[in-house]
C-alpha atoms as a PDB file:
ATOM      1  CA  MET A   1      66.656  43.727  30.598  1.00  0.00           C
ATOM      2  CA  SER A   2      70.578  42.950  30.919  1.00  0.00           C
ATOM      3  CA  GLU A   3      72.906  42.615  27.692  1.00  0.00           C
ATOM      4  CA  VAL A   4      72.537  38.228  28.240  1.00  0.00           C
ATOM      5  CA  ASP A   5      69.453  38.480  28.472  1.00  0.00           C
ATOM      6  CA  ALA A   6      68.549  40.411  25.482  1.00  0.00           C
ATOM      7  CA  VAL A   7      69.560  37.219  23.488  1.00  0.00           C
ATOM      8  CA  SER A   8      66.098  35.709  23.068  1.00  0.00           C
ATOM      9  CA  LYS A   9      64.960  38.303  21.804  1.00  0.00           C
ATOM     10  CA  GLN A  10      67.089  38.908  18.374  1.00  0.00           C
ATOM     11  CA  THR A  11      67.082  36.732  15.170  1.00  0.00           C
ATOM     12  CA  ASN A  12      70.889  35.532  13.812  1.00  0.00           C
ATOM     13  CA  ALA A  13      70.223  36.092  10.434  1.00  0.00           C
ATOM     14  CA  CYS A  14      73.850  35.326   9.502  1.00  0.00           C
ATOM     15  CA  GLY A  15      73.665  31.564  11.446  1.00  0.00           C
ATOM     16  CA  ARG A  16      75.779  31.179  14.474  1.00  0.00           C
ATOM     17  CA  HIS A  17      78.664  29.498  12.311  1.00  0.00           C
ATOM     18  CA  ALA A  18      79.784  32.781  12.007  1.00  0.00           C
ATOM     19  CA  LEU A  19      81.192  32.885  15.214  1.00  0.00           C
ATOM     20  CA  ILE A  20      83.455  29.800  13.866  1.00  0.00           C
ATOM     21  CA  GLY A  21      84.801  33.119  11.785  1.00  0.00           C
ATOM     22  CA  ALA A  22      85.101  35.362  14.306  1.00  0.00           C
ATOM     23  CA  LEU A  23      86.932  32.791  16.532  1.00  0.00           C
ATOM     24  CA  LEU A  24      89.515  32.160  13.492  1.00  0.00           C
ATOM     25  CA  GLY A  25      90.006  36.420  13.205  1.00  0.00           C
ATOM     26  CA  TRP A  26      91.193  36.361  16.317  1.00  0.00           C
ATOM     27  CA  SER A  27      93.097  33.557  16.260  1.00  0.00           C
ATOM     28  CA  LEU A  28      94.981  34.769  13.146  1.00  0.00           C
ATOM     29  CA  ALA A  29      94.762  38.495  14.151  1.00  0.00           C
ATOM     30  CA  VAL A  30      96.595  37.445  17.156  1.00  0.00           C
ATOM     31  CA  GLY A  31      99.147  35.637  15.394  1.00  0.00           C
ATOM     32  CA  LEU A  32     100.044  38.304  13.354  1.00  0.00           C
ATOM     33  CA  VAL A  33      99.884  40.888  15.752  1.00  0.00           C
ATOM     34  CA  THR A  34     102.558  38.444  17.296  1.00  0.00           C
ATOM     35  CA  ARG A  35     104.749  37.068  13.811  1.00  0.00           C
ATOM     36  CA  LEU A  36     105.213  41.605  13.816  1.00  0.00           C
ATOM     37  CA  LEU A  37     106.368  41.592  17.213  1.00  0.00           C
ATOM     38  CA  LEU A  38     109.086  39.242  17.282  1.00  0.00           C
ATOM     39  CA  ALA A  39     110.101  40.368  13.810  1.00  0.00           C
ATOM     40  CA  PHE A  40     110.977  43.725  14.967  1.00  0.00           C
ATOM     41  CA  TYR A  41     112.369  43.301  18.137  1.00  0.00           C
ATOM     42  CA  SER A  42     114.885  40.593  15.871  1.00  0.00           C
ATOM     43  CA  ARG A  43     114.860  43.106  13.195  1.00  0.00           C
ATOM     44  CA  ALA A  44     118.697  43.730  13.133  1.00  0.00           C
ATOM     45  CA  ASP A  45     118.907  39.516  12.351  1.00  0.00           C
ATOM     46  CA  LEU A  46     116.232  39.719   9.873  1.00  0.00           C
ATOM     47  CA  THR A  47     116.545  40.164   6.234  1.00  0.00           C
ATOM     48  CA  ALA A  48     113.393  41.741   4.505  1.00  0.00           C
ATOM     49  CA  GLY A  49     112.299  40.484   1.128  1.00  0.00           C
ATOM     50  CA  PRO A  50     110.407  37.963  -0.520  1.00  0.00           C
ATOM     51  CA  ALA A  51     111.433  34.857   2.109  1.00  0.00           C
ATOM     52  CA  LEU A  52     110.136  37.252   5.055  1.00  0.00           C
ATOM     53  CA  ALA A  53     107.041  38.167   3.296  1.00  0.00           C
ATOM     54  CA  GLY A  54     106.501  33.683   2.649  1.00  0.00           C
ATOM     55  CA  SER A  55     107.273  33.079   6.380  1.00  0.00           C
ATOM     56  CA  PHE A  56     104.570  35.597   7.326  1.00  0.00           C
ATOM     57  CA  LEU A  57     102.290  33.839   4.254  1.00  0.00           C
ATOM     58  CA  ARG A  58     103.245  30.373   5.682  1.00  0.00           C
ATOM     59  CA  GLY A  59     103.077  31.327   9.440  1.00  0.00           C
ATOM     60  CA  ALA A  60      99.219  32.363   8.603  1.00  0.00           C
ATOM     61  CA  VAL A  61      98.671  29.000   7.423  1.00  0.00           C
ATOM     62  CA  VAL A  62     100.051  27.357  10.412  1.00  0.00           C
ATOM     63  CA  ASP A  63      98.031  29.345  12.452  1.00  0.00           C
ATOM     64  CA  ALA A  64      95.070  28.759  11.031  1.00  0.00           C
ATOM     65  CA  ALA A  65      95.355  24.838  10.999  1.00  0.00           C
ATOM     66  CA  VAL A  66      96.154  25.168  14.674  1.00  0.00           C
ATOM     67  CA  ALA A  67      93.319  26.782  14.779  1.00  0.00           C
ATOM     68  CA  GLY A  68      91.251  24.331  13.195  1.00  0.00           C
ATOM     69  CA  VAL A  69      92.179  21.283  15.789  1.00  0.00           C
ATOM     70  CA  TRP A  70      89.494  23.262  17.867  1.00  0.00           C
ATOM     71  CA  LEU A  71      87.545  25.380  15.315  1.00  0.00           C
ATOM     72  CA  VAL A  72      86.948  21.963  13.859  1.00  0.00           C
ATOM     73  CA  PRO A  73      84.683  19.757  16.810  1.00  0.00           C
ATOM     74  CA  LEU A  74      83.243  24.038  17.836  1.00  0.00           C
ATOM     75  CA  ALA A  75      81.836  23.603  14.678  1.00  0.00           C
ATOM     76  CA  VAL A  76      80.184  20.192  14.760  1.00  0.00           C
ATOM     77  CA  MET A  77      78.975  20.480  18.185  1.00  0.00           C
ATOM     78  CA  LEU A  78      77.313  23.983  17.420  1.00  0.00           C
ATOM     79  CA  ALA A  79      75.425  22.133  14.749  1.00  0.00           C
ATOM     80  CA  PHE A  80      74.210  19.457  17.202  1.00  0.00           C
ATOM     81  CA  MET A  81      72.340  22.269  19.641  1.00  0.00           C
ATOM     82  CA  PRO A  82      68.604  23.038  18.716  1.00  0.00           C
ATOM     83  CA  ARG A  83      67.302  26.378  17.415  1.00  0.00           C
ATOM     84  CA  GLY A  84      66.956  27.943  20.332  1.00  0.00           C
ATOM     85  CA  PHE A  85      70.180  26.155  22.471  1.00  0.00           C
ATOM     86  CA  PHE A  86      71.657  29.870  23.370  1.00  0.00           C
ATOM     87  CA  ALA A  87      67.788  31.238  25.468  1.00  0.00           C
ATOM     88  CA  ALA A  88      68.429  29.446  27.887  1.00  0.00           C
ATOM     89  CA  ARG A  89      70.794  31.792  30.511  1.00  0.00           C
ATOM     90  CA  TRP A  90      72.868  29.242  31.350  1.00  0.00           C
ATOM     91  CA  SER A  91      74.119  28.268  27.975  1.00  0.00           C
ATOM     92  CA  ARG A  92      75.002  31.992  26.879  1.00  0.00           C
ATOM     93  CA  VAL A  93      76.791  32.806  30.240  1.00  0.00           C
ATOM     94  CA  THR A  94      78.791  29.506  29.697  1.00  0.00           C
ATOM     95  CA  ALA A  95      79.373  31.121  26.181  1.00  0.00           C
ATOM     96  CA  HIS A  96      80.289  34.098  27.451  1.00  0.00           C
ATOM     97  CA  ALA A  97      82.920  32.729  29.544  1.00  0.00           C
ATOM     98  CA  GLY A  98      83.910  30.381  26.632  1.00  0.00           C
ATOM     99  CA  LEU A  99      85.130  33.559  25.357  1.00  0.00           C
ATOM    100  CA  ILE A 100      86.532  35.362  27.658  1.00  0.00           C
ATOM    101  CA  LEU A 101      89.190  32.037  28.336  1.00  0.00           C
ATOM    102  CA  VAL A 102      89.365  31.804  24.518  1.00  0.00           C
ATOM    103  CA  ILE A 103      90.573  35.535  24.533  1.00  0.00           C
ATOM    104  CA  ALA A 104      93.030  34.831  27.822  1.00  0.00           C
ATOM    105  CA  VAL A 105      94.578  31.511  26.469  1.00  0.00           C
ATOM    106  CA  THR A 106      95.760  33.054  23.335  1.00  0.00           C
ATOM    107  CA  LEU A 107      97.281  35.839  24.786  1.00  0.00           C
ATOM    108  CA  PHE A 108      99.125  34.380  27.483  1.00  0.00           C
ATOM    109  CA  VAL A 109     100.542  31.927  25.075  1.00  0.00           C
ATOM    110  CA  ALA A 110     101.537  35.156  23.024  1.00  0.00           C
ATOM    111  CA  VAL A 111     102.906  36.980  25.763  1.00  0.00           C
ATOM    112  CA  ALA A 112     104.468  33.837  26.439  1.00  0.00           C
ATOM    113  CA  GLU A 113     105.915  32.483  23.096  1.00  0.00           C
ATOM    114  CA  PHE A 114     107.635  36.922  22.908  1.00  0.00           C
ATOM    115  CA  PHE A 115     109.440  35.824  26.753  1.00  0.00           C
ATOM    116  CA  PHE A 116     110.761  32.569  25.613  1.00  0.00           C
ATOM    117  CA  TRP A 117     111.661  34.658  21.789  1.00  0.00           C
ATOM    118  CA  ASP A 118     113.262  37.089  24.251  1.00  0.00           C
ATOM    119  CA  GLU A 119     115.768  34.466  25.552  1.00  0.00           C
ATOM    120  CA  PHE A 120     116.431  31.732  23.702  1.00  0.00           C
ATOM    121  CA  GLY A 121     115.678  33.316  20.008  1.00  0.00           C
ATOM    122  CA  VAL A 122     113.600  30.632  18.775  1.00  0.00           C
ATOM    123  CA  ARG A 123     109.056  29.542  18.867  1.00  0.00           C
ATOM    124  CA  PHE A 124     109.238  26.721  22.040  1.00  0.00           C
ATOM    125  CA  ASN A 125     111.118  23.518  21.560  1.00  0.00           C
ATOM    126  CA  PHE A 126     112.012  21.095  23.954  1.00  0.00           C
ATOM    127  CA  ILE A 127     113.428  23.539  26.396  1.00  0.00           C
ATOM    128  CA  ALA A 128     109.450  24.679  26.972  1.00  0.00           C
ATOM    129  CA  VAL A 129     108.318  21.232  27.383  1.00  0.00           C
ATOM    130  CA  ASP A 130     111.562  20.941  30.561  1.00  0.00           C
ATOM    131  CA  TYR A 131     109.718  24.055  32.106  1.00  0.00           C
ATOM    132  CA  LEU A 132     106.869  21.342  32.188  1.00  0.00           C
ATOM    133  CA  VAL A 133     109.017  19.178  34.212  1.00  0.00           C
ATOM    134  CA  TYR A 134     111.096  20.954  36.386  1.00  0.00           C
ATOM    135  CA  THR A 135     108.308  23.362  37.632  1.00  0.00           C
ATOM    136  CA  GLN A 136     109.502  24.086  40.660  1.00  0.00           C
ATOM    137  CA  GLU A 137     112.898  25.432  39.758  1.00  0.00           C
ATOM    138  CA  VAL A 138     111.525  26.887  36.651  1.00  0.00           C
ATOM    139  CA  ILE A 139     108.893  28.921  38.023  1.00  0.00           C
ATOM    140  CA  GLY A 140     111.008  29.803  41.181  1.00  0.00           C
ATOM    141  CA  ASN A 141     113.669  31.658  38.360  1.00  0.00           C
ATOM    142  CA  ILE A 142     110.264  32.968  36.068  1.00  0.00           C
ATOM    143  CA  ARG A 143     109.584  34.584  39.163  1.00  0.00           C
ATOM    144  CA  GLU A 144     113.072  36.317  39.619  1.00  0.00           C
ATOM    145  CA  SER A 145     113.586  37.381  36.216  1.00  0.00           C
ATOM    146  CA  TYR A 146     110.040  38.895  35.459  1.00  0.00           C
ATOM    147  CA  PRO A 147     107.396  40.895  37.059  1.00  0.00           C
ATOM    148  CA  MET A 148     105.281  38.341  37.188  1.00  0.00           C
ATOM    149  CA  GLY A 149     102.336  40.211  38.986  1.00  0.00           C
ATOM    150  CA  VAL A 150     102.535  43.214  35.709  1.00  0.00           C
ATOM    151  CA  VAL A 151     102.478  40.442  33.312  1.00  0.00           C
ATOM    152  CA  PHE A 152      99.451  38.620  34.632  1.00  0.00           C
ATOM    153  CA  GLY A 153      97.942  41.857  35.194  1.00  0.00           C
ATOM    154  CA  GLY A 154      98.085  43.467  32.017  1.00  0.00           C
ATOM    155  CA  ILE A 155      96.986  39.894  30.128  1.00  0.00           C
ATOM    156  CA  ALA A 156      93.529  40.304  31.989  1.00  0.00           C
ATOM    157  CA  ALA A 157      93.173  44.076  31.112  1.00  0.00           C
ATOM    158  CA  ALA A 158      93.988  42.594  27.513  1.00  0.00           C
ATOM    159  CA  THR A 159      91.926  40.285  27.867  1.00  0.00           C
ATOM    160  CA  LEU A 160      88.496  42.491  29.410  1.00  0.00           C
ATOM    161  CA  VAL A 161      89.327  44.777  26.417  1.00  0.00           C
ATOM    162  CA  VAL A 162      88.914  42.661  23.998  1.00  0.00           C
ATOM    163  CA  TYR A 163      85.977  40.774  25.756  1.00  0.00           C
ATOM    164  CA  GLY A 164      84.362  44.426  26.168  1.00  0.00           C
ATOM    165  CA  LEU A 165      85.094  44.729  22.164  1.00  0.00           C
ATOM    166  CA  SER A 166      83.186  41.851  21.375  1.00  0.00           C
ATOM    167  CA  VAL A 167      80.258  42.420  23.224  1.00  0.00           C
ATOM    168  CA  CYS A 168      79.573  46.058  23.094  1.00  0.00           C
ATOM    169  CA  GLY A 169      76.391  46.651  20.543  1.00  0.00           C
ATOM    170  CA  GLY A 170      75.411  43.581  20.987  1.00  0.00           C
ATOM    171  CA  ARG A 171      77.776  41.721  18.495  1.00  0.00           C
ATOM    172  CA  PHE A 172      78.593  38.482  20.457  1.00  0.00           C
ATOM    173  CA  ASN A 173      74.828  37.890  21.621  1.00  0.00           C
ATOM    174  CA  ARG A 174      73.558  38.086  18.294  1.00  0.00           C
ATOM    175  CA  LEU A 175      75.796  35.268  17.403  1.00  0.00           C
ATOM    176  CA  LEU A 176      74.231  33.145  19.958  1.00  0.00           C
ATOM    177  CA  ALA A 177      70.718  34.465  19.268  1.00  0.00           C
ATOM    178  CA  PRO A 178      67.792  31.522  17.666  1.00  0.00           C
ATOM    179  CA  GLU A 179      68.544  31.235  14.017  1.00  0.00           C
ATOM    180  CA  GLY A 180      66.263  31.921  10.913  1.00  0.00           C
ATOM    181  CA  LYS A 181      67.881  28.581   9.287  1.00  0.00           C
ATOM    182  CA  SER A 182      67.126  25.055   9.001  1.00  0.00           C
ATOM    183  CA  ALA A 183      68.900  22.042  11.020  1.00  0.00           C
ATOM    184  CA  GLY A 184      69.829  21.072   7.441  1.00  0.00           C
ATOM    185  CA  ALA A 185      71.535  24.586   6.842  1.00  0.00           C
ATOM    186  CA  ARG A 186      73.271  24.433   9.979  1.00  0.00           C
ATOM    187  CA  TRP A 187      74.837  20.734   9.327  1.00  0.00           C
ATOM    188  CA  ARG A 188      75.953  22.584   5.728  1.00  0.00           C
ATOM    189  CA  ALA A 189      77.606  25.369   7.500  1.00  0.00           C
ATOM    190  CA  ALA A 190      79.028  22.768   9.761  1.00  0.00           C
ATOM    191  CA  ALA A 191      80.677  20.740   7.336  1.00  0.00           C
ATOM    192  CA  ILE A 192      81.981  23.485   5.280  1.00  0.00           C
ATOM    193  CA  TRP A 193      83.722  24.670   8.095  1.00  0.00           C
ATOM    194  CA  THR A 194      84.989  21.155   8.440  1.00  0.00           C
ATOM    195  CA  LEU A 195      86.468  20.508   4.977  1.00  0.00           C
ATOM    196  CA  GLY A 196      87.656  23.776   4.755  1.00  0.00           C
ATOM    197  CA  LEU A 197      89.515  23.926   7.947  1.00  0.00           C
ATOM    198  CA  GLY A 198      90.452  20.272   7.335  1.00  0.00           C
ATOM    199  CA  ALA A 199      92.123  20.769   4.205  1.00  0.00           C
ATOM    200  CA  VAL A 200      93.998  23.511   5.755  1.00  0.00           C
ATOM    201  CA  MET A 201      95.594  20.753   8.291  1.00  0.00           C
ATOM    202  CA  ALA A 202      95.770  18.410   5.865  1.00  0.00           C
ATOM    203  CA  ALA A 203      98.258  20.868   3.592  1.00  0.00           C
ATOM    204  CA  PHE A 204     100.275  21.968   7.064  1.00  0.00           C
ATOM    205  CA  VAL A 205     100.938  17.877   7.671  1.00  0.00           C
ATOM    206  CA  LEU A 206     101.329  16.631   4.610  1.00  0.00           C
ATOM    207  CA  LEU A 207     103.263  19.747   2.176  1.00  0.00           C
ATOM    208  CA  PRO A 208     107.663  19.643   3.208  1.00  0.00           C
ATOM    209  CA  ASP A 209     107.989  22.620   5.361  1.00  0.00           C
ATOM    210  CA  PRO A 210     109.363  25.378   3.265  1.00  0.00           C
ATOM    211  CA  LYS A 211     113.455  25.578   3.583  1.00  0.00           C
ATOM    212  CA  PHE A 212     114.445  29.250   4.780  1.00  0.00           C
ATOM    213  CA  LYS A 213     118.140  30.756   4.782  1.00  0.00           C
ATOM    214  CA  ASN A 214     117.852  32.597   8.090  1.00  0.00           C
ATOM    215  CA  MET A 215     117.281  31.158  11.174  1.00  0.00           C
ATOM    216  CA  PHE A 216     114.826  33.805  12.310  1.00  0.00           C
ATOM    217  CA  VAL A 217     112.811  34.138   9.052  1.00  0.00           C
ATOM    218  CA  ALA A 218     112.502  30.110   9.843  1.00  0.00           C
ATOM    219  CA  GLU A 219     111.030  30.649  12.967  1.00  0.00           C
ATOM    220  CA  LEU A 220     108.797  33.337  12.064  1.00  0.00           C
ATOM    221  CA  ALA A 221     107.141  30.853   9.399  1.00  0.00           C
ATOM    222  CA  ARG A 222     106.382  28.660  12.885  1.00  0.00           C
ATOM    223  CA  ASN A 223     103.729  28.479  15.205  1.00  0.00           C
ATOM    224  CA  GLY A 224     103.813  28.708  18.832  1.00  0.00           C
ATOM    225  CA  THR A 225     101.780  26.008  19.888  1.00  0.00           C
ATOM    226  CA  ALA A 226     102.534  23.491  17.068  1.00  0.00           C
ATOM    227  CA  SER A 227     106.285  23.678  17.812  1.00  0.00           C
ATOM    228  CA  PHE A 228     105.692  22.497  21.581  1.00  0.00           C
ATOM    229  CA  VAL A 229     103.356  19.928  20.410  1.00  0.00           C
ATOM    230  CA  GLU A 230     106.365  18.521  17.886  1.00  0.00           C
ATOM    231  CA  ALA A 231     109.140  19.153  20.254  1.00  0.00           C
ATOM    232  CA  PHE A 232     107.063  17.473  22.971  1.00  0.00           C
ATOM    233  CA  ARG A 233     107.036  14.404  20.875  1.00  0.00           C
ATOM    234  CA  ALA A 234     110.192  14.733  19.512  1.00  0.00           C
ATOM    235  CA  ASN A 235     111.946  14.783  22.718  1.00  0.00           C
ATOM    236  CA  THR A 236     115.004  16.566  21.001  1.00  0.00           C
ATOM    237  CA  LEU A 237     117.083  19.812  21.158  1.00  0.00           C
ATOM    238  CA  ASP A 238     119.355  20.583  17.953  1.00  0.00           C
ATOM    239  CA  TYR A 239     122.634  20.862  20.249  1.00  0.00           C
ATOM    240  CA  GLU A 240     125.114  22.303  18.141  1.00  0.00           C
ATOM    241  CA  ARG A 241     122.256  25.079  17.435  1.00  0.00           C
ATOM    242  CA  PHE A 242     122.247  26.025  21.230  1.00  0.00           C
ATOM    243  CA  TYR A 243     125.594  25.467  22.347  1.00  0.00           C
ATOM    244  CA  ALA A 244     129.086  26.933  21.028  1.00  0.00           C
ATOM    245  CA  VAL A 245     130.754  23.273  19.292  1.00  0.00           C
ATOM    246  CA  LEU A 246     134.186  23.156  17.763  1.00  0.00           C
ATOM    247  CA  PRO A 247     134.619  21.645  14.137  1.00  0.00           C
ATOM    248  CA  GLU A 248     135.044  17.966  15.011  1.00  0.00           C
ATOM    249  CA  GLU A 249     138.621  17.643  13.564  1.00  0.00           C
ATOM    250  CA  VAL A 250     139.686  20.472  15.786  1.00  0.00           C
ATOM    251  CA  ALA A 251     138.378  18.735  19.020  1.00  0.00           C
ATOM    252  CA  PHE A 252     139.513  15.502  18.666  1.00  0.00           C
ATOM    253  CA  ALA A 253     143.270  17.151  17.459  1.00  0.00           C
ATOM    254  CA  ARG A 254     142.371  18.876  21.220  1.00  0.00           C
ATOM    255  CA  MET A 255     141.189  16.259  23.136  1.00  0.00           C
ATOM    256  CA  ARG A 256     144.116  13.825  21.808  1.00  0.00           C
ATOM    257  CA  ALA A 257     146.698  16.154  22.643  1.00  0.00           C
ATOM    258  CA  GLU A 258     145.201  16.375  26.499  1.00  0.00           C
ATOM    259  CA  LEU A 259     145.783  13.300  27.042  1.00  0.00           C
ATOM    260  CA  GLY A 260     148.885  12.973  25.233  1.00  0.00           C
ATOM    261  CA  LEU A 261     147.970  11.040  21.992  1.00  0.00           C
ATOM    262  CA  ALA A 262     149.826  11.213  19.098  1.00  0.00           C
ATOM    263  CA  GLN A 263     148.613  13.366  16.683  1.00  0.00           C
ATOM    264  CA  GLN A 264     147.334  11.435  12.969  1.00  0.00           C
ATOM    265  CA  GLU A 265     145.885  13.040  10.379  1.00  0.00           C
ATOM    266  CA  GLY A 266     141.749  12.736  10.262  1.00  0.00           C
ATOM    267  CA  ALA A 267     142.291  10.569  14.316  1.00  0.00           C
ATOM    268  CA  ARG A 268     139.049  10.519  15.368  1.00  0.00           C
ATOM    269  CA  ASP A 269     139.352   8.472  18.144  1.00  0.00           C
ATOM    270  CA  LEU A 270     140.776   7.987  21.862  1.00  0.00           C
ATOM    271  CA  VAL A 271     141.153   5.097  22.900  1.00  0.00           C
ATOM    272  CA  ARG A 272     143.982   4.590  24.875  1.00  0.00           C
ATOM    273  CA  THR A 273     145.555   1.928  27.498  1.00  0.00           C
ATOM    274  CA  VAL A 274     145.584   3.089  30.950  1.00  0.00           C
ATOM    275  CA  ARG A 275     148.208   1.140  33.575  1.00  0.00           C
ATOM    276  CA  GLY A 276     148.655   2.132  36.815  1.00  0.00           C
ATOM    277  CA  ARG A 277     150.863   2.463  38.974  1.00  0.00           C
ATOM    278  CA  MET A 278     150.496   0.820  41.977  1.00  0.00           C
ATOM    279  CA  ALA A 279     149.546  -2.493  43.320  1.00  0.00           C
ATOM    280  CA  GLU A 280     146.325  -3.646  42.036  1.00  0.00           C
ATOM    281  CA  ARG A 281     143.397  -4.030  45.361  1.00  0.00           C
ATOM    282  CA  ARG A 282     140.432  -5.668  44.868  1.00  0.00           C
ATOM    283  CA  LEU A 283     138.106  -3.709  46.850  1.00  0.00           C
ATOM    284  CA  ASN A 284     134.504  -5.167  47.813  1.00  0.00           C
ATOM    285  CA  VAL A 285     132.834  -1.488  47.301  1.00  0.00           C
ATOM    286  CA  ILE A 286     131.406  -0.515  44.367  1.00  0.00           C
ATOM    287  CA  GLN A 287     129.564   2.505  43.421  1.00  0.00           C
ATOM    288  CA  ILE A 288     127.638   3.323  40.424  1.00  0.00           C
ATOM    289  CA  THR A 289     126.122   6.684  39.896  1.00  0.00           C
ATOM    290  CA  VAL A 290     123.443   7.060  37.312  1.00  0.00           C
ATOM    291  CA  GLU A 291     121.383  10.367  36.784  1.00  0.00           C
ATOM    292  CA  SER A 292     117.765  10.768  36.401  1.00  0.00           C
ATOM    293  CA  LEU A 293     117.633   7.218  36.489  1.00  0.00           C
ATOM    294  CA  SER A 294     114.013   6.600  37.996  1.00  0.00           C
ATOM    295  CA  ALA A 295     112.901   3.368  40.028  1.00  0.00           C
ATOM    296  CA  GLU A 296     110.143   2.477  37.389  1.00  0.00           C
ATOM    297  CA  PHE A 297     112.996   0.990  34.882  1.00  0.00           C
ATOM    298  CA  LEU A 298     113.797  -1.246  37.506  1.00  0.00           C
ATOM    299  CA  ALA A 299     112.139  -5.012  37.286  1.00  0.00           C
ATOM    300  CA  ARG A 300     112.687  -4.585  41.563  1.00  0.00           C
ATOM    301  CA  TYR A 301     110.500  -1.772  41.549  1.00  0.00           C
ATOM    302  CA  ASP A 302     107.883  -2.197  38.234  1.00  0.00           C
ATOM    303  CA  VAL A 303     107.395  -5.528  36.579  1.00  0.00           C
ATOM    304  CA  LYS A 304     106.090  -3.986  33.521  1.00  0.00           C
ATOM    305  CA  HIS A 305     109.918  -3.260  33.025  1.00  0.00           C
ATOM    306  CA  ARG A 306     111.303  -7.415  33.951  1.00  0.00           C
ATOM    307  CA  GLY A 307     113.927  -8.366  32.477  1.00  0.00           C
ATOM    308  CA  LEU A 308     115.403  -4.322  31.060  1.00  0.00           C
ATOM    309  CA  THR A 309     118.414  -4.686  33.917  1.00  0.00           C
ATOM    310  CA  PRO A 310     119.208  -8.233  34.786  1.00  0.00           C
ATOM    311  CA  VAL A 311     122.317  -7.783  35.543  1.00  0.00           C
ATOM    312  CA  TRP A 312     121.124  -5.377  38.417  1.00  0.00           C
ATOM    313  CA  MET A 313     118.612  -7.323  39.298  1.00  0.00           C
ATOM    314  CA  ARG A 314     121.388  -9.801  40.070  1.00  0.00           C
ATOM    315  CA  TRP A 315     123.484  -7.435  41.868  1.00  0.00           C
ATOM    316  CA  ARG A 316     120.452  -6.265  44.077  1.00  0.00           C
ATOM    317  CA  ARG A 317     119.864  -9.931  45.231  1.00  0.00           C
ATOM    318  CA  ALA A 318     123.842 -11.176  46.174  1.00  0.00           C
ATOM    319  CA  ARG A 319     124.063  -7.311  47.119  1.00  0.00           C
ATOM    320  CA  TRP A 320     122.688  -5.001  49.849  1.00  0.00           C
ATOM    321  CA  ARG A 321     119.878  -2.557  49.342  1.00  0.00           C
ATOM    322  CA  LEU A 322     119.757   1.127  50.775  1.00  0.00           C
ATOM    323  CA  THR A 323     116.821   1.853  50.403  1.00  0.00           C
ATOM    324  CA  GLY A 324     116.956   5.053  53.251  1.00  0.00           C
ATOM    325  CA  PHE A 325     119.684   6.440  52.289  1.00  0.00           C
ATOM    326  CA  THR A 326     118.628   9.179  50.233  1.00  0.00           C
ATOM    327  CA  ARG A 327     116.088  10.045  52.873  1.00  0.00           C
ATOM    328  CA  ARG A 328     118.538   9.674  55.821  1.00  0.00           C
ATOM    329  CA  VAL A 329     121.261  10.783  54.802  1.00  0.00           C
ATOM    330  CA  ILE A 330     121.270  12.660  51.864  1.00  0.00           C
ATOM    331  CA  ALA A 331     118.340  15.006  52.431  1.00  0.00           C
ATOM    332  CA  PRO A 332     119.742  16.417  55.822  1.00  0.00           C
ATOM    333  CA  ILE A 333     123.426  17.520  54.052  1.00  0.00           C
ATOM    334  CA  VAL A 334     121.256  18.900  51.942  1.00  0.00           C
ATOM    335  CA  ALA A 335     119.189  20.741  53.944  1.00  0.00           C
ATOM    336  CA  TRP A 336     122.525  21.759  55.753  1.00  0.00           C
ATOM    337  CA  LYS A 337     124.101  22.989  52.497  1.00  0.00           C
ATOM    338  CA  ARG A 338     121.036  24.681  51.612  1.00  0.00           C
ATOM    339  CA  CYS A 339     120.564  26.167  54.985  1.00  0.00           C
ATOM    340  CA  ARG A 340     124.519  27.281  55.006  1.00  0.00           C
ATOM    341  CA  PHE A 341     124.001  28.568  51.506  1.00  0.00           C
ATOM    342  CA  ARG A 342     121.082  31.655  52.669  1.00  0.00           C
ATOM    343  CA  CYS A 343     123.707  32.775  55.497  1.00  0.00           C
ATOM    344  CA  LEU A 344     126.232  33.330  53.332  1.00  0.00           C
ATOM    345  CA  ARG A 345     123.793  34.863  50.917  1.00  0.00           C
ATOM    346  CA  ARG A 346     121.974  37.051  53.862  1.00  0.00           C
ATOM    347  CA  ARG A 347     125.567  38.150  55.364  1.00  0.00           C
ATOM    348  CA  VAL A 348     126.873  39.066  51.545  1.00  0.00           C
ATOM    349  CA  GLY A 349     123.861  41.236  50.654  1.00  0.00           C
ATOM    350  CA  ARG A 350     124.766  42.822  53.699  1.00  0.00           C
END
């Protein structure tokens, strides 16, 4: 008799909702280990003390809130299932497959967080969201930068080890065994977990974020998944944090000097008059170049945006429209340049 089939001959005295506690403990453990590894990796930039301990405590709350997003529906679903639901082989196999998926996903996110931290020193932000937009370029860059075969192999091996420890001795199967409790007891357990995790999620949403002076301590208090969702919704990136900047007074003074404008104390404008040295030529060709302007934002191609670009539409009716220009002219030029670049790179390599 296989270990999976042994479920039907066991009795689950503690109730199947003990599975929620086990999965919550796994999520908190992965979050803690990830936080410890990131803290050790950036130990030279951290300030030890109460702030660091507070960031770990705040991080545990955030980890529990994020886990609650999927554990609360699971608790309710377990309450709906009848007493002998996991007596069927297909339901037990599905449960084991779900366990493997949860372990693999959490480990994958943890590893991705470490590599992202190594490159940017923060949790997931809008740069990670951008990675999903420019998938082709980013995947190529990642393959060139990291040994992805070793990384995925390590995640798979760790997943199998954790799964083996979870099912050895029939631990996981005992959670799937028929319960000795009534349906009312199942719903009470689901209500307790729902209220408890709901309170944690409410605290995470409603309470203000603590202010840490050290940037790395502040990032340790965050959760990668929550940071990714927040960045996706905000669709912004703190420019001054990720790019070298000058004080505004210095930048304006330098630009005014470059443009030959008179230096004025506190001047913050670059307004100037440009006068041509030659006679004006009234040309009838105007080239307008716009970066990343999708056709869907033009009323000609998407009626939902009718009225958004009225001037552009007047130009379209009065001028030519080169619909095949990119495909017939630009694409062959780009292909030729790429071919020349590959040949040059081969010669340089040799």
